[in-house]
Protein backbone atom coordinates (compact mmCIF):
# COMPACT_ATOMS: atom_id res chain seq x y z
CA UNK A 1 15.72 35.91 -9.60
CA UNK A 2 12.88 38.01 -10.93
CA UNK A 3 9.40 37.11 -12.22
CA UNK A 4 7.84 39.29 -14.88
CA UNK A 5 4.16 39.58 -15.87
CA UNK A 6 4.44 36.93 -18.57
CA UNK A 7 5.38 34.11 -16.18
CA UNK A 8 9.03 34.04 -17.21
CA UNK A 9 11.72 33.92 -14.54
CA UNK A 10 15.03 35.63 -15.16
CA UNK A 11 18.10 34.05 -13.56
CA UNK A 12 21.35 36.02 -13.90
CA UNK A 13 20.33 37.47 -17.22
CA UNK A 14 18.92 34.21 -18.60
CA UNK A 15 15.24 33.50 -18.76
CA UNK A 16 13.82 30.21 -17.59
CA UNK A 17 10.26 29.06 -18.33
CA UNK A 18 8.03 28.34 -15.36
CA UNK A 19 7.62 24.78 -16.66
CA UNK A 20 11.28 24.14 -15.87
CA UNK A 21 10.74 25.45 -12.35
CA UNK A 22 7.68 23.22 -11.99
CA UNK A 23 9.68 20.21 -13.21
CA UNK A 24 12.40 21.03 -10.67
CA UNK A 25 9.79 21.31 -7.89
CA UNK A 26 8.26 17.99 -8.94
CA UNK A 27 11.68 16.30 -8.90
CA UNK A 28 12.41 17.73 -5.45
CA UNK A 29 9.01 16.55 -4.24
CA UNK A 30 9.66 13.05 -5.64
CA UNK A 31 13.09 12.98 -3.94
CA UNK A 32 11.57 13.95 -0.58
CA UNK A 33 8.81 11.39 -1.01
CA UNK A 34 11.33 8.66 -1.81
CA UNK A 35 13.39 9.64 1.25
CA UNK A 36 10.29 9.33 3.44
CA UNK A 37 9.43 5.94 1.93
CA UNK A 38 12.97 4.72 2.55
CA UNK A 39 12.72 5.94 6.15
CA UNK A 40 9.46 4.09 6.73
CA UNK A 41 10.87 0.96 5.11
CA UNK A 42 13.99 1.01 7.29
CA UNK A 43 11.87 1.51 10.43
CA UNK A 44 9.78 -1.50 9.43
CA UNK A 45 12.88 -3.64 8.88
CA UNK A 46 14.35 -2.70 12.25
CA UNK A 47 11.15 -2.79 14.28
CA UNK A 48 9.69 -6.16 13.31
CA UNK A 49 7.79 -8.04 15.98
CA UNK A 50 7.80 -11.82 16.29
CA UNK A 51 5.16 -14.50 16.74
CA UNK A 52 5.62 -18.23 17.49
CA UNK A 53 4.92 -20.38 14.46
CA UNK A 54 2.38 -22.58 16.23
CA UNK A 55 0.22 -19.55 17.02
CA UNK A 56 0.48 -18.33 13.42
CA UNK A 57 -0.43 -21.74 11.99
CA UNK A 58 -3.27 -22.27 14.47
CA UNK A 59 -5.00 -18.91 14.29
CA UNK A 60 -3.81 -16.65 11.51
CA UNK A 61 -2.77 -18.88 8.59
CA UNK A 62 -6.30 -20.33 8.18
CA UNK A 63 -7.68 -16.80 8.12
CA UNK A 64 -5.11 -15.39 5.70
CA UNK A 65 -5.41 -18.25 3.22
CA UNK A 66 -9.22 -18.25 3.38
CA UNK A 67 -9.81 -21.60 5.09
CA UNK A 68 -11.68 -20.01 7.97
CA UNK A 69 -13.50 -16.74 8.51
CA UNK A 70 -14.67 -17.54 12.02
CA UNK A 71 -13.83 -14.66 14.39
CA UNK A 72 -12.15 -12.85 11.48
CA UNK A 73 -12.64 -9.34 12.89
CA UNK A 74 -11.25 -10.33 16.27
CA UNK A 75 -8.27 -12.11 14.70
CA UNK A 76 -7.46 -9.16 12.43
CA UNK A 77 -7.61 -6.88 15.46
CA UNK A 78 -5.25 -9.21 17.31
CA UNK A 79 -2.92 -9.31 14.28
CA UNK A 80 -2.70 -5.50 14.31
CA UNK A 81 -1.86 -5.65 18.02
CA UNK A 82 0.89 -8.17 17.32
CA UNK A 83 2.29 -6.36 14.28
CA UNK A 84 1.98 -2.89 15.79
CA UNK A 85 0.38 -1.37 12.69
CA UNK A 86 -1.41 -2.59 9.59
CA UNK A 87 1.72 -1.60 7.61
CA UNK A 88 4.10 -3.75 9.66
CA UNK A 89 5.44 -7.20 8.92
CA UNK A 90 5.76 -9.96 11.53
CA UNK A 91 8.56 -12.48 11.85
CA UNK A 92 7.50 -16.05 12.53
CA UNK A 93 9.87 -17.84 14.90
CA UNK A 94 10.22 -21.40 16.18
CA UNK A 95 10.15 -22.46 19.85
CA UNK A 96 13.80 -21.42 20.24
CA UNK A 97 13.22 -17.96 18.77
CA UNK A 98 14.89 -18.76 15.44
CA UNK A 99 13.57 -16.92 12.41
CA UNK A 100 11.42 -19.03 10.06
CA UNK A 101 9.64 -16.66 7.68
CA UNK A 102 8.50 -13.04 7.41
CA UNK A 103 4.76 -12.39 7.12
CA UNK A 104 4.20 -9.27 5.01
CA UNK A 105 2.04 -6.38 6.14
CA UNK A 106 -1.69 -6.49 5.48
CA UNK A 107 -1.68 -3.05 3.87
CA UNK A 108 0.79 -1.49 1.46
CA UNK A 109 2.03 2.09 1.92
CA UNK A 110 2.88 2.36 -1.76
CA UNK A 111 -0.66 2.16 -3.09
CA UNK A 112 -1.24 5.90 -3.12
CA UNK A 113 0.56 8.06 -5.60
CA UNK A 114 1.02 11.79 -5.07
CA UNK A 115 -0.91 14.26 -7.21
CA UNK A 116 1.57 16.22 -9.29
CA UNK A 117 -0.79 17.65 -11.89
CA UNK A 118 -3.64 20.00 -11.02
CA UNK A 119 -5.98 18.12 -13.37
CA UNK A 120 -5.53 14.95 -11.27
CA UNK A 121 -6.86 16.60 -8.12
CA UNK A 122 -10.47 15.73 -7.25
CA UNK A 123 -10.99 19.35 -6.18
CA UNK A 124 -10.28 20.39 -9.76
CA UNK A 125 -13.00 18.04 -11.05
CA UNK A 126 -15.48 19.49 -8.56
CA UNK A 127 -14.46 23.01 -9.56
CA UNK A 128 -15.08 22.25 -13.26
CA UNK A 129 -18.39 20.59 -12.40
CA UNK A 130 -19.46 23.63 -10.37
CA UNK A 131 -18.71 25.88 -13.34
CA UNK A 132 -20.69 23.66 -15.72
CA UNK A 133 -23.62 23.22 -13.30
CA UNK A 134 -24.98 26.63 -14.20
CA UNK A 135 -25.19 25.51 -17.83
CA UNK A 136 -26.42 21.98 -17.19
CA UNK A 137 -26.76 20.13 -13.90
CA UNK A 138 -26.71 16.83 -15.82
CA UNK A 139 -23.34 17.76 -17.35
CA UNK A 140 -21.95 18.52 -13.88
CA UNK A 141 -23.21 15.16 -12.60
CA UNK A 142 -21.62 13.39 -15.58
CA UNK A 143 -18.28 15.10 -14.94
CA UNK A 144 -18.27 13.99 -11.29
CA UNK A 145 -19.51 10.48 -12.12
CA UNK A 146 -16.87 9.99 -14.82
CA UNK A 147 -14.10 11.33 -12.55
CA UNK A 148 -15.08 9.07 -9.65
CA UNK A 149 -15.44 6.05 -11.96
CA UNK A 150 -12.00 6.69 -13.44
CA UNK A 151 -10.44 7.00 -9.99
CA UNK A 152 -12.11 3.82 -8.77
CA UNK A 153 -11.00 1.90 -11.87
CA UNK A 154 -7.40 3.09 -11.52
CA UNK A 155 -7.32 1.99 -7.87
CA UNK A 156 -9.10 -1.32 -8.53
CA UNK A 157 -6.77 -2.22 -11.40
CA UNK A 158 -3.52 -1.52 -9.56
CA UNK A 159 -1.19 -4.46 -9.08
CA UNK A 160 0.34 -4.84 -5.67
CA UNK A 161 3.04 -7.20 -6.84
CA UNK A 162 5.47 -6.64 -3.96
CA UNK A 163 3.11 -7.85 -1.25
CA UNK A 164 1.51 -10.43 -3.55
CA UNK A 165 4.88 -12.09 -4.12
CA UNK A 166 5.61 -12.07 -0.38
CA UNK A 167 2.22 -13.62 0.42
CA UNK A 168 2.69 -16.24 -2.32
CA UNK A 169 6.02 -17.14 -0.68
CA UNK A 170 4.29 -17.54 2.71
CA UNK A 171 1.51 -19.71 1.25
CA UNK A 172 4.05 -21.81 -0.64
CA UNK A 173 6.12 -22.27 2.54
CA UNK A 174 3.09 -23.64 4.39
CA UNK A 175 1.78 -25.65 1.44
CA UNK A 176 -1.34 -23.52 1.03
CA UNK A 177 -2.96 -21.57 -1.73
CA UNK A 178 -4.69 -18.23 -1.17
CA UNK A 179 -8.14 -19.80 -1.42
CA UNK A 180 -7.40 -22.11 1.50
CA UNK A 181 -6.78 -25.45 -0.18
CA UNK A 182 -3.71 -27.53 0.48
CA UNK A 183 -1.11 -27.70 -2.25
CA UNK A 184 -0.32 -31.40 -2.63
CA UNK A 185 3.19 -30.71 -3.95
CA UNK A 186 4.20 -28.59 -0.98
CA UNK A 187 4.49 -29.19 2.71
CA UNK A 188 5.54 -27.06 5.64
CA UNK A 189 9.17 -27.31 6.63
CA UNK A 190 8.33 -26.64 10.29
CA UNK A 191 7.79 -29.30 12.95
CA UNK A 192 4.34 -29.94 14.32
CA UNK A 193 4.27 -28.61 17.86
CA UNK A 194 1.70 -28.92 20.60
CA UNK A 195 0.07 -25.72 21.72
CA UNK A 196 -1.93 -25.46 24.89
CA UNK A 197 -3.89 -22.55 26.32
């Protein structure tokens, strides 16, 4: 393999454009990224902690469906201790340890997408703004403002359908809606247990 001054790579007498190499690198990067995601997902499936249903219904369900915000910070902290991480699910079990339902993680690992194009990198936007600042500071500010606005809008408009569907399943199972009201058509399938401190 040999690279000449014009950015063309020669492989065994054939030339190959650097774009093809870049596409190959991007595919390899995507493959490695997918392998890592699969590894994290399998670890989360194998390493799921459990919580008794009565504790979930008493403390965490009202918080997660919005019925109560009392002691929210403390409860979220306790949830992270129970789950292990903010990316981990928790299995809800009955008094005998039988699985009832899986509570999805509070945060999704798949919300961030890798930067594959130089123009998508925030450092590139700052570099362009720095170049334009000598001509017009207002132009540089507009470049940064527009870039940050576009990034915020793309993040804010993302759909997190995987976790949303899992949370909807949990709320439906317990006869709740995400805003905290009871769904009259649904009721919990679990027994009402006494819980004492």
